[in-house]
Amino acid sequence: MICVDGISKSFGNNLAVKDVSFCVKENQIVGLLGENGAGKTTLMNIITGYLEPDQGNVQVNGCHIQNQPYQAKRSVGYLPEEPPLYPEMTVKEYLSFCIELKEVVKDDRKKHLNEILSVTNLHEVSHRKVGNLSHGFKQRVGLAQALCGNPDVLLLDEPTNGLDPSQIVEFRKMVHNLSRQHTIVLSSHVLGLVQSMCQRVLILHRGELVADRTIGECADGCFSLVLAAPPKSILSGLRELPSVERVTLTPPPNSKESHVLVETKEPERFPFELSSFVSGHQVAILELKQHEDSLEEIYMKALRSHGDDVL
């Protein structure tokens, strides 16, 4: 659906995006994560065709964004960080204008407008001027314009900026429903938003793609373990197992059980070593599973792997 191949872009001496490559499959919700200035918006603008890369190419729906711009851009709906709204127009006038720009067949325009108003819950304000709407409704109008022409791909750049918690919950529901018919790339620097909405995360750092991970993916060589023994009696023994690199106590604290996170360099060997250890110490294993990295852990590991000194 989207294929980004070796994209680089500089502004003067500032390298904004460096040799970024990835592909996004149909109906995925992919989070583009990174700190402010990481290159997220630049990359979004290149995918839409608004900016031309210095190197590399982008294909959307099999169409090259530079060689076949008309066909490629018809497949893309874009909600930039600052939605391109006309405050003097009513919501209905503005969306009708966007539908006309997207060259929707004339006989289908009224039906298409009503569908968009329903999906984005804008019927109640459709006759109000855009400039008189609250920030939350303006964001909805921005999403609605991205849906004009029914594009296969939606690119959403920091779409929840300035929304209150209830508006964010409503926005998440809308995006989840839209993912049934659209491929979605959502740019944000908010870990919790990406964690709750996306199946996969791309992490940009200083213009480079430093991680491409499925959210909830098992961490290599990391196990969550609960043993029916107090920590004092088993921690030192666990740390002495040949394959173990690190053992960390995790909540909840308990004087009768040990909740631990075990990092091992030989994940295939560790369960057998553990079995021998608990047999020798007559300790029951209450829980053993491969640990799933949280998005925060994925993000911090990605930065550490590129030499950043993070906590």
C-alpha atoms as a PDB file:
ATOM      1  CA  MET A   1       0.000   0.000   0.000  1.00  0.00           C
ATOM      2  CA  ILE A   2       2.796   2.446   0.988  1.00  0.00           C
ATOM      3  CA  CYS A   3       6.430   1.781   0.110  1.00  0.00           C
ATOM      4  CA  VAL A   4       9.129   4.264   1.166  1.00  0.00           C
ATOM      5  CA  ASP A   5      12.544   3.438  -0.277  1.00  0.00           C
ATOM      6  CA  GLY A   6      15.761   5.174   0.793  1.00  0.00           C
ATOM      7  CA  ILE A   7      14.244   8.632   1.409  1.00  0.00           C
ATOM      8  CA  SER A   8      16.600  11.455   2.397  1.00  0.00           C
ATOM      9  CA  LYS A   9      15.876  15.166   2.669  1.00  0.00           C
ATOM     10  CA  SER A  10      18.005  18.147   3.736  1.00  0.00           C
ATOM     11  CA  PHE A  11      17.184  21.806   4.367  1.00  0.00           C
ATOM     12  CA  GLY A  12      20.461  23.634   3.918  1.00  0.00           C
ATOM     13  CA  ASN A  13      22.946  21.980   6.263  1.00  0.00           C
ATOM     14  CA  ASN A  14      20.171  20.317   8.276  1.00  0.00           C
ATOM     15  CA  LEU A  15      19.619  16.663   7.369  1.00  0.00           C
ATOM     16  CA  ALA A  16      15.927  16.206   8.250  1.00  0.00           C
ATOM     17  CA  VAL A  17      15.437  12.627   6.988  1.00  0.00           C
ATOM     18  CA  LYS A  18      18.242  10.160   6.329  1.00  0.00           C
ATOM     19  CA  ASP A  19      17.891   6.991   4.189  1.00  0.00           C
ATOM     20  CA  VAL A  20      14.460   5.939   5.534  1.00  0.00           C
ATOM     21  CA  SER A  21      12.829   2.787   4.140  1.00  0.00           C
ATOM     22  CA  PHE A  22       9.678   0.907   5.157  1.00  0.00           C
ATOM     23  CA  CYS A  23       6.456  -0.535   3.742  1.00  0.00           C
ATOM     24  CA  VAL A  24       2.937  -0.453   5.179  1.00  0.00           C
ATOM     25  CA  LYS A  25       0.373  -3.118   4.311  1.00  0.00           C
ATOM     26  CA  GLU A  26      -3.311  -2.620   3.623  1.00  0.00           C
ATOM     27  CA  ASN A  27      -5.539  -1.772   6.624  1.00  0.00           C
ATOM     28  CA  GLN A  28      -2.660  -1.420   9.094  1.00  0.00           C
ATOM     29  CA  ILE A  29      -2.567   1.377  11.659  1.00  0.00           C
ATOM     30  CA  VAL A  30       1.096   2.339  11.926  1.00  0.00           C
ATOM     31  CA  GLY A  31       2.461   4.834  14.425  1.00  0.00           C
ATOM     32  CA  LEU A  32       5.277   7.166  13.404  1.00  0.00           C
ATOM     33  CA  LEU A  33       6.927   8.049  16.682  1.00  0.00           C
ATOM     34  CA  GLY A  34       9.726  10.428  17.588  1.00  0.00           C
ATOM     35  CA  GLU A  35      10.644  13.513  19.559  1.00  0.00           C
ATOM     36  CA  ASN A  36       9.959  17.006  18.215  1.00  0.00           C
ATOM     37  CA  GLY A  37      12.286  17.625  15.292  1.00  0.00           C
ATOM     38  CA  ALA A  38      12.848  13.911  14.569  1.00  0.00           C
ATOM     39  CA  GLY A  39      11.691  14.299  10.943  1.00  0.00           C
ATOM     40  CA  LYS A  40       8.121  12.984  11.216  1.00  0.00           C
ATOM     41  CA  THR A  41       6.364  15.892   9.483  1.00  0.00           C
ATOM     42  CA  THR A  42       9.033  16.086   6.760  1.00  0.00           C
ATOM     43  CA  LEU A  43       8.549  12.393   6.025  1.00  0.00           C
ATOM     44  CA  MET A  44       4.757  12.824   5.962  1.00  0.00           C
ATOM     45  CA  ASN A  45       5.076  15.714   3.503  1.00  0.00           C
ATOM     46  CA  ILE A  46       7.296  13.608   1.240  1.00  0.00           C
ATOM     47  CA  ILE A  47       4.810  10.708   1.247  1.00  0.00           C
ATOM     48  CA  THR A  48       1.993  13.095   0.241  1.00  0.00           C
ATOM     49  CA  GLY A  49       4.099  14.560  -2.560  1.00  0.00           C
ATOM     50  CA  TYR A  50       4.121  18.032  -0.990  1.00  0.00           C
ATOM     51  CA  LEU A  51       7.927  17.848  -0.650  1.00  0.00           C
ATOM     52  CA  GLU A  52      10.316  16.227  -3.097  1.00  0.00           C
ATOM     53  CA  PRO A  53      13.047  14.041  -1.544  1.00  0.00           C
ATOM     54  CA  ASP A  54      16.722  14.589  -2.334  1.00  0.00           C
ATOM     55  CA  GLN A  55      17.107  10.822  -2.685  1.00  0.00           C
ATOM     56  CA  GLY A  56      14.825   7.793  -2.794  1.00  0.00           C
ATOM     57  CA  ASN A  57      11.237   7.290  -3.872  1.00  0.00           C
ATOM     58  CA  VAL A  58       7.737   6.681  -2.551  1.00  0.00           C
ATOM     59  CA  GLN A  59       4.988   4.513  -3.984  1.00  0.00           C
ATOM     60  CA  VAL A  60       1.343   4.608  -2.904  1.00  0.00           C
ATOM     61  CA  ASN A  61      -0.975   1.910  -4.211  1.00  0.00           C
ATOM     62  CA  GLY A  62       1.703   0.950  -6.728  1.00  0.00           C
ATOM     63  CA  CYS A  63       1.951   4.504  -8.118  1.00  0.00           C
ATOM     64  CA  HIS A  64       5.212   6.475  -7.912  1.00  0.00           C
ATOM     65  CA  ILE A  65       4.547   9.782  -6.120  1.00  0.00           C
ATOM     66  CA  GLN A  66       6.919  11.674  -8.459  1.00  0.00           C
ATOM     67  CA  ASN A  67       6.368   9.914 -11.785  1.00  0.00           C
ATOM     68  CA  GLN A  68       2.620   9.369 -11.311  1.00  0.00           C
ATOM     69  CA  PRO A  69       1.645  12.178  -8.906  1.00  0.00           C
ATOM     70  CA  TYR A  70      -1.997  12.457  -9.939  1.00  0.00           C
ATOM     71  CA  GLN A  71      -2.738   8.739  -9.477  1.00  0.00           C
ATOM     72  CA  ALA A  72      -0.715   8.466  -6.247  1.00  0.00           C
ATOM     73  CA  LYS A  73      -2.216  11.558  -4.597  1.00  0.00           C
ATOM     74  CA  ARG A  74      -5.774  10.409  -5.327  1.00  0.00           C
ATOM     75  CA  SER A  75      -5.066   7.520  -2.936  1.00  0.00           C
ATOM     76  CA  VAL A  76      -3.931   9.785  -0.065  1.00  0.00           C
ATOM     77  CA  GLY A  77      -5.891  11.797   2.493  1.00  0.00           C
ATOM     78  CA  TYR A  78      -3.771  14.052   4.702  1.00  0.00           C
ATOM     79  CA  LEU A  79      -4.513  15.719   8.028  1.00  0.00           C
ATOM     80  CA  PRO A  80      -1.540  18.026   8.721  1.00  0.00           C
ATOM     81  CA  GLU A  81      -0.696  19.270  12.208  1.00  0.00           C
ATOM     82  CA  GLU A  82      -2.450  22.549  11.340  1.00  0.00           C
ATOM     83  CA  PRO A  83      -5.606  21.578   9.363  1.00  0.00           C
ATOM     84  CA  PRO A  84      -6.097  23.653   6.176  1.00  0.00           C
ATOM     85  CA  LEU A  85      -9.448  25.174   7.142  1.00  0.00           C
ATOM     86  CA  TYR A  86     -11.377  28.171   5.778  1.00  0.00           C
ATOM     87  CA  PRO A  87     -12.935  29.864   8.839  1.00  0.00           C
ATOM     88  CA  GLU A  88     -15.435  31.950   6.826  1.00  0.00           C
ATOM     89  CA  MET A  89     -17.075  28.836   5.308  1.00  0.00           C
ATOM     90  CA  THR A  90     -19.640  26.609   6.985  1.00  0.00           C
ATOM     91  CA  VAL A  91     -18.594  23.017   7.590  1.00  0.00           C
ATOM     92  CA  LYS A  92     -20.858  21.851   4.775  1.00  0.00           C
ATOM     93  CA  GLU A  93     -19.521  24.464   2.336  1.00  0.00           C
ATOM     94  CA  TYR A  94     -15.926  23.647   3.179  1.00  0.00           C
ATOM     95  CA  LEU A  95     -16.326  19.871   2.798  1.00  0.00           C
ATOM     96  CA  SER A  96     -18.326  20.324  -0.422  1.00  0.00           C
ATOM     97  CA  PHE A  97     -15.422  22.401  -1.746  1.00  0.00           C
ATOM     98  CA  CYS A  98     -12.927  19.660  -0.764  1.00  0.00           C
ATOM     99  CA  ILE A  99     -15.086  16.990  -2.399  1.00  0.00           C
ATOM    100  CA  GLU A 100     -15.146  19.021  -5.600  1.00  0.00           C
ATOM    101  CA  LEU A 101     -11.352  19.380  -5.497  1.00  0.00           C
ATOM    102  CA  LYS A 102     -11.073  15.595  -5.169  1.00  0.00           C
ATOM    103  CA  GLU A 103     -13.147  15.298  -8.370  1.00  0.00           C
ATOM    104  CA  VAL A 104     -15.835  13.087  -6.887  1.00  0.00           C
ATOM    105  CA  VAL A 105     -18.484  12.315  -9.523  1.00  0.00           C
ATOM    106  CA  LYS A 106     -21.045  15.121  -9.378  1.00  0.00           C
ATOM    107  CA  ASP A 107     -24.064  12.861  -8.850  1.00  0.00           C
ATOM    108  CA  ASP A 108     -22.337  11.185  -5.875  1.00  0.00           C
ATOM    109  CA  ARG A 109     -21.219  14.325  -4.031  1.00  0.00           C
ATOM    110  CA  LYS A 110     -24.255  14.808  -1.787  1.00  0.00           C
ATOM    111  CA  LYS A 111     -24.224  11.163  -0.673  1.00  0.00           C
ATOM    112  CA  HIS A 112     -20.460  11.293  -0.100  1.00  0.00           C
ATOM    113  CA  LEU A 113     -20.773  14.465   1.995  1.00  0.00           C
ATOM    114  CA  ASN A 114     -23.443  12.887   4.227  1.00  0.00           C
ATOM    115  CA  GLU A 115     -21.301   9.775   4.694  1.00  0.00           C
ATOM    116  CA  ILE A 116     -18.320  11.897   5.822  1.00  0.00           C
ATOM    117  CA  LEU A 117     -20.470  13.965   8.184  1.00  0.00           C
ATOM    118  CA  SER A 118     -21.782  10.746   9.745  1.00  0.00           C
ATOM    119  CA  VAL A 119     -18.366   9.092  10.128  1.00  0.00           C
ATOM    120  CA  THR A 120     -16.898  12.182  11.813  1.00  0.00           C
ATOM    121  CA  ASN A 121     -20.044  13.065  13.822  1.00  0.00           C
ATOM    122  CA  LEU A 122     -20.288  16.547  12.305  1.00  0.00           C
ATOM    123  CA  HIS A 123     -23.968  16.656  11.298  1.00  0.00           C
ATOM    124  CA  GLU A 124     -24.899  18.809  14.303  1.00  0.00           C
ATOM    125  CA  VAL A 125     -22.434  21.583  13.334  1.00  0.00           C
ATOM    126  CA  SER A 126     -22.602  21.231   9.540  1.00  0.00           C
ATOM    127  CA  HIS A 127     -24.282  24.658   9.128  1.00  0.00           C
ATOM    128  CA  ARG A 128     -21.944  26.506  11.484  1.00  0.00           C
ATOM    129  CA  LYS A 129     -18.929  28.497  10.311  1.00  0.00           C
ATOM    130  CA  VAL A 130     -15.643  26.649  10.767  1.00  0.00           C
ATOM    131  CA  GLY A 131     -14.090  29.676  12.492  1.00  0.00           C
ATOM    132  CA  ASN A 132     -16.707  29.528  15.261  1.00  0.00           C
ATOM    133  CA  LEU A 133     -16.072  25.880  16.163  1.00  0.00           C
ATOM    134  CA  SER A 134     -14.150  24.592  19.176  1.00  0.00           C
ATOM    135  CA  HIS A 135     -10.680  23.164  18.652  1.00  0.00           C
ATOM    136  CA  GLY A 136     -12.031  19.618  18.940  1.00  0.00           C
ATOM    137  CA  PHE A 137     -14.602  20.162  16.195  1.00  0.00           C
ATOM    138  CA  LYS A 138     -11.996  21.844  13.984  1.00  0.00           C
ATOM    139  CA  GLN A 139      -9.832  18.712  14.283  1.00  0.00           C
ATOM    140  CA  ARG A 140     -12.836  16.631  13.233  1.00  0.00           C
ATOM    141  CA  VAL A 141     -13.369  18.899  10.228  1.00  0.00           C
ATOM    142  CA  GLY A 142      -9.689  18.427   9.364  1.00  0.00           C
ATOM    143  CA  LEU A 143     -10.152  14.651   9.504  1.00  0.00           C
ATOM    144  CA  ALA A 144     -13.306  14.968   7.400  1.00  0.00           C
ATOM    145  CA  GLN A 145     -11.432  16.811   4.622  1.00  0.00           C
ATOM    146  CA  ALA A 146      -8.828  14.020   4.611  1.00  0.00           C
ATOM    147  CA  LEU A 147     -11.666  11.551   3.931  1.00  0.00           C
ATOM    148  CA  CYS A 148     -12.949  13.462   0.901  1.00  0.00           C
ATOM    149  CA  GLY A 149     -12.611  11.333  -2.209  1.00  0.00           C
ATOM    150  CA  ASN A 150     -12.494   8.156  -0.087  1.00  0.00           C
ATOM    151  CA  PRO A 151      -8.688   7.677  -0.244  1.00  0.00           C
ATOM    152  CA  ASP A 152      -7.141   4.290   0.533  1.00  0.00           C
ATOM    153  CA  VAL A 153      -4.423   5.864   2.716  1.00  0.00           C
ATOM    154  CA  LEU A 154      -4.815   8.340   5.590  1.00  0.00           C
ATOM    155  CA  LEU A 155      -1.827  10.273   6.940  1.00  0.00           C
ATOM    156  CA  LEU A 156      -2.520  11.935  10.297  1.00  0.00           C
ATOM    157  CA  ASP A 157       0.125  14.300  11.683  1.00  0.00           C
ATOM    158  CA  GLU A 158      -0.188  14.939  15.452  1.00  0.00           C
ATOM    159  CA  PRO A 159      -3.993  14.661  15.159  1.00  0.00           C
ATOM    160  CA  THR A 160      -4.794  14.912  18.891  1.00  0.00           C
ATOM    161  CA  ASN A 161      -2.785  18.060  19.673  1.00  0.00           C
ATOM    162  CA  GLY A 162      -4.854  20.279  21.943  1.00  0.00           C
ATOM    163  CA  LEU A 163      -7.689  17.791  22.443  1.00  0.00           C
ATOM    164  CA  ASP A 164      -9.026  17.068  25.904  1.00  0.00           C
ATOM    165  CA  PRO A 165      -9.160  13.456  27.232  1.00  0.00           C
ATOM    166  CA  SER A 166     -12.774  12.811  26.181  1.00  0.00           C
ATOM    167  CA  GLN A 167     -12.069  14.154  22.672  1.00  0.00           C
ATOM    168  CA  ILE A 168      -9.000  11.891  22.395  1.00  0.00           C
ATOM    169  CA  VAL A 169     -11.113   8.849  23.327  1.00  0.00           C
ATOM    170  CA  GLU A 170     -13.675   9.789  20.664  1.00  0.00           C
ATOM    171  CA  PHE A 171     -10.935  10.371  18.101  1.00  0.00           C
ATOM    172  CA  ARG A 172      -9.434   6.928  18.825  1.00  0.00           C
ATOM    173  CA  LYS A 173     -12.810   5.290  18.186  1.00  0.00           C
ATOM    174  CA  MET A 174     -13.157   7.113  14.856  1.00  0.00           C
ATOM    175  CA  VAL A 175      -9.690   6.055  13.703  1.00  0.00           C
ATOM    176  CA  HIS A 176     -10.302   2.452  14.766  1.00  0.00           C
ATOM    177  CA  ASN A 177     -13.498   2.373  12.686  1.00  0.00           C
ATOM    178  CA  LEU A 178     -11.737   3.996   9.719  1.00  0.00           C
ATOM    179  CA  SER A 179      -8.976   1.359   9.781  1.00  0.00           C
ATOM    180  CA  ARG A 180     -11.470  -1.211   8.468  1.00  0.00           C
ATOM    181  CA  GLN A 181     -11.421   0.560   5.100  1.00  0.00           C
ATOM    182  CA  HIS A 182      -8.224   2.637   5.146  1.00  0.00           C
ATOM    183  CA  THR A 183      -4.515   2.176   5.729  1.00  0.00           C
ATOM    184  CA  ILE A 184      -3.479   4.706   8.391  1.00  0.00           C
ATOM    185  CA  VAL A 185      -0.123   6.238   9.318  1.00  0.00           C
ATOM    186  CA  LEU A 186      -0.369   8.305  12.477  1.00  0.00           C
ATOM    187  CA  SER A 187       2.472  10.601  13.504  1.00  0.00           C
ATOM    188  CA  SER A 188       2.878  11.511  17.173  1.00  0.00           C
ATOM    189  CA  HIS A 189       5.370  12.054  19.965  1.00  0.00           C
ATOM    190  CA  VAL A 190       2.839  10.787  22.549  1.00  0.00           C
ATOM    191  CA  LEU A 191       3.701   7.200  23.513  1.00  0.00           C
ATOM    192  CA  GLY A 192       0.337   6.413  25.094  1.00  0.00           C
ATOM    193  CA  LEU A 193      -1.627   7.452  21.999  1.00  0.00           C
ATOM    194  CA  VAL A 194       0.453   5.263  19.674  1.00  0.00           C
ATOM    195  CA  GLN A 195       0.340   2.343  22.137  1.00  0.00           C
ATOM    196  CA  SER A 196      -3.464   2.465  22.292  1.00  0.00           C
ATOM    197  CA  MET A 197      -4.142   2.899  18.560  1.00  0.00           C
ATOM    198  CA  CYS A 198      -1.438   1.234  16.493  1.00  0.00           C
ATOM    199  CA  GLN A 199      -0.435  -2.330  15.660  1.00  0.00           C
ATOM    200  CA  ARG A 200       3.070  -1.346  14.608  1.00  0.00           C
ATOM    201  CA  VAL A 201       5.467   1.488  15.381  1.00  0.00           C
ATOM    202  CA  LEU A 202       8.188   3.190  13.345  1.00  0.00           C
ATOM    203  CA  ILE A 203      10.577   5.235  15.492  1.00  0.00           C
ATOM    204  CA  LEU A 204      12.427   8.190  13.974  1.00  0.00           C
ATOM    205  CA  HIS A 205      15.377   9.731  15.774  1.00  0.00           C
ATOM    206  CA  ARG A 206      17.353  12.625  14.315  1.00  0.00           C
ATOM    207  CA  GLY A 207      15.983  11.797  10.871  1.00  0.00           C
ATOM    208  CA  GLU A 208      16.850   8.097  10.962  1.00  0.00           C
ATOM    209  CA  LEU A 209      14.509   5.132  11.278  1.00  0.00           C
ATOM    210  CA  VAL A 210      15.911   3.459  14.405  1.00  0.00           C
ATOM    211  CA  ALA A 211      13.173   0.878  15.055  1.00  0.00           C
ATOM    212  CA  ASP A 212      10.355  -0.894  13.224  1.00  0.00           C
ATOM    213  CA  ARG A 213       8.451  -3.067  15.691  1.00  0.00           C
ATOM    214  CA  THR A 214       5.101  -4.722  16.186  1.00  0.00           C
ATOM    215  CA  ILE A 215       3.550  -3.385  19.397  1.00  0.00           C
ATOM    216  CA  GLY A 216       3.349  -6.210  21.944  1.00  0.00           C
ATOM    217  CA  GLU A 217       6.125  -8.131  20.192  1.00  0.00           C
ATOM    218  CA  CYS A 218       8.015 -10.463  22.534  1.00  0.00           C
ATOM    219  CA  ALA A 219      11.395  -9.175  23.623  1.00  0.00           C
ATOM    220  CA  ASP A 220      14.275 -11.433  22.621  1.00  0.00           C
ATOM    221  CA  GLY A 221      15.723 -13.277  25.605  1.00  0.00           C
ATOM    222  CA  CYS A 222      13.453 -11.694  28.204  1.00  0.00           C
ATOM    223  CA  PHE A 223      11.108 -13.623  30.529  1.00  0.00           C
ATOM    224  CA  SER A 224       8.517 -12.624  33.134  1.00  0.00           C
ATOM    225  CA  LEU A 225       8.675 -15.077  36.019  1.00  0.00           C
ATOM    226  CA  VAL A 226       6.765 -15.642  39.264  1.00  0.00           C
ATOM    227  CA  LEU A 227       8.213 -18.144  41.770  1.00  0.00           C
ATOM    228  CA  ALA A 228       6.656 -19.379  45.001  1.00  0.00           C
ATOM    229  CA  ALA A 229       9.588 -18.263  47.153  1.00  0.00           C
ATOM    230  CA  PRO A 230      10.712 -15.022  48.798  1.00  0.00           C
ATOM    231  CA  PRO A 231      13.239 -12.990  46.771  1.00  0.00           C
ATOM    232  CA  LYS A 232      16.051 -13.385  49.304  1.00  0.00           C
ATOM    233  CA  SER A 233      16.081 -17.147  48.898  1.00  0.00           C
ATOM    234  CA  ILE A 234      16.278 -17.361  45.091  1.00  0.00           C
ATOM    235  CA  LEU A 235      17.607 -14.137  43.492  1.00  0.00           C
ATOM    236  CA  SER A 236      21.298 -14.925  43.880  1.00  0.00           C
ATOM    237  CA  GLY A 237      20.766 -18.440  42.520  1.00  0.00           C
ATOM    238  CA  LEU A 238      18.884 -17.166  39.457  1.00  0.00           C
ATOM    239  CA  ARG A 239      21.659 -14.688  38.709  1.00  0.00           C
ATOM    240  CA  GLU A 240      24.237 -17.492  38.750  1.00  0.00           C
ATOM    241  CA  LEU A 241      22.508 -19.516  36.001  1.00  0.00           C
ATOM    242  CA  PRO A 242      24.898 -19.664  32.990  1.00  0.00           C
ATOM    243  CA  SER A 243      22.515 -18.147  30.434  1.00  0.00           C
ATOM    244  CA  VAL A 244      21.249 -15.305  32.658  1.00  0.00           C
ATOM    245  CA  GLU A 245      22.518 -11.757  32.153  1.00  0.00           C
ATOM    246  CA  ARG A 246      20.257  -9.797  34.515  1.00  0.00           C
ATOM    247  CA  VAL A 247      17.505 -10.429  37.062  1.00  0.00           C
ATOM    248  CA  THR A 248      15.248  -7.561  38.141  1.00  0.00           C
ATOM    249  CA  LEU A 249      12.497  -7.598  40.760  1.00  0.00           C
ATOM    250  CA  THR A 250       9.164  -6.284  39.447  1.00  0.00           C
ATOM    251  CA  PRO A 251       5.959  -5.203  41.219  1.00  0.00           C
ATOM    252  CA  PRO A 252       4.031  -6.276  43.176  1.00  0.00           C
ATOM    253  CA  PRO A 253       6.396  -6.722  46.151  1.00  0.00           C
ATOM    254  CA  ASN A 254       5.550  -9.899  48.052  1.00  0.00           C
ATOM    255  CA  SER A 255       7.328 -11.625  50.939  1.00  0.00           C
ATOM    256  CA  LYS A 256       6.155 -15.079  49.811  1.00  0.00           C
ATOM    257  CA  GLU A 257       6.529 -14.803  46.029  1.00  0.00           C
ATOM    258  CA  SER A 258       9.171 -13.434  43.657  1.00  0.00           C
ATOM    259  CA  HIS A 259       8.038 -11.467  40.611  1.00  0.00           C
ATOM    260  CA  VAL A 260      11.106 -11.059  38.410  1.00  0.00           C
ATOM    261  CA  LEU A 261      12.177 -10.072  34.928  1.00  0.00           C
ATOM    262  CA  VAL A 262      14.986 -12.274  33.607  1.00  0.00           C
ATOM    263  CA  GLU A 263      17.182 -11.187  30.685  1.00  0.00           C
ATOM    264  CA  THR A 264      19.106 -14.025  29.095  1.00  0.00           C
ATOM    265  CA  LYS A 265      21.602 -14.342  26.256  1.00  0.00           C
ATOM    266  CA  GLU A 266      20.369 -17.867  25.449  1.00  0.00           C
ATOM    267  CA  PRO A 267      16.541 -17.862  25.540  1.00  0.00           C
ATOM    268  CA  GLU A 268      16.300 -21.452  24.268  1.00  0.00           C
ATOM    269  CA  ARG A 269      18.489 -22.721  27.105  1.00  0.00           C
ATOM    270  CA  PHE A 270      17.029 -20.701  29.991  1.00  0.00           C
ATOM    271  CA  PRO A 271      13.793 -22.730  30.570  1.00  0.00           C
ATOM    272  CA  PHE A 272      15.831 -25.928  31.035  1.00  0.00           C
ATOM    273  CA  GLU A 273      18.219 -24.224  33.476  1.00  0.00           C
ATOM    274  CA  LEU A 274      15.240 -22.809  35.351  1.00  0.00           C
ATOM    275  CA  SER A 275      13.604 -26.236  35.575  1.00  0.00           C
ATOM    276  CA  SER A 276      16.742 -27.731  37.147  1.00  0.00           C
ATOM    277  CA  PHE A 277      17.090 -24.757  39.495  1.00  0.00           C
ATOM    278  CA  VAL A 278      13.533 -24.899  40.885  1.00  0.00           C
ATOM    279  CA  SER A 279      13.706 -28.692  41.254  1.00  0.00           C
ATOM    280  CA  GLY A 280      16.878 -28.426  43.312  1.00  0.00           C
ATOM    281  CA  HIS A 281      15.428 -25.672  45.496  1.00  0.00           C
ATOM    282  CA  GLN A 282      11.920 -27.217  45.667  1.00  0.00           C
ATOM    283  CA  VAL A 283      10.326 -24.020  44.409  1.00  0.00           C
ATOM    284  CA  ALA A 284       7.147 -23.928  42.310  1.00  0.00           C
ATOM    285  CA  ILE A 285       6.921 -21.879  39.099  1.00  0.00           C
ATOM    286  CA  LEU A 286       3.662 -19.936  39.291  1.00  0.00           C
ATOM    287  CA  GLU A 287       4.111 -18.129  35.988  1.00  0.00           C
ATOM    288  CA  LEU A 288       6.598 -18.166  33.125  1.00  0.00           C
ATOM    289  CA  LYS A 289       6.149 -16.256  29.874  1.00  0.00           C
ATOM    290  CA  GLN A 290       8.219 -14.379  27.363  1.00  0.00           C
ATOM    291  CA  HIS A 291       8.103 -10.717  28.273  1.00  0.00           C
ATOM    292  CA  GLU A 292       6.427  -8.267  25.874  1.00  0.00           C
ATOM    293  CA  ASP A 293       8.165  -4.917  25.591  1.00  0.00           C
ATOM    294  CA  SER A 294       6.036  -1.879  26.342  1.00  0.00           C
ATOM    295  CA  LEU A 295       6.228   0.933  23.811  1.00  0.00           C
ATOM    296  CA  GLU A 296       8.272   2.951  26.292  1.00  0.00           C
ATOM    297  CA  GLU A 297      10.803   0.097  26.528  1.00  0.00           C
ATOM    298  CA  ILE A 298      10.933  -0.226  22.733  1.00  0.00           C
ATOM    299  CA  TYR A 299      11.488   3.529  22.393  1.00  0.00           C
ATOM    300  CA  MET A 300      14.231   3.718  25.025  1.00  0.00           C
ATOM    301  CA  LYS A 301      16.041   0.640  23.648  1.00  0.00           C
ATOM    302  CA  ALA A 302      15.977   2.157  20.152  1.00  0.00           C
ATOM    303  CA  LEU A 303      17.592   5.372  21.412  1.00  0.00           C
ATOM    304  CA  ARG A 304      20.200   3.496  23.481  1.00  0.00           C
ATOM    305  CA  SER A 305      21.124   1.363  20.473  1.00  0.00           C
ATOM    306  CA  HIS A 306      22.013   4.573  18.632  1.00  0.00           C
ATOM    307  CA  GLY A 307      24.254   5.902  21.359  1.00  0.00           C
ATOM    308  CA  ASP A 308      21.861   8.248  23.142  1.00  0.00           C
ATOM    309  CA  ASP A 309      22.293   8.593  26.881  1.00  0.00           C
ATOM    310  CA  VAL A 310      18.724   8.085  28.158  1.00  0.00           C
ATOM    311  CA  LEU A 311      17.503   7.089  31.595  1.00  0.00           C
END
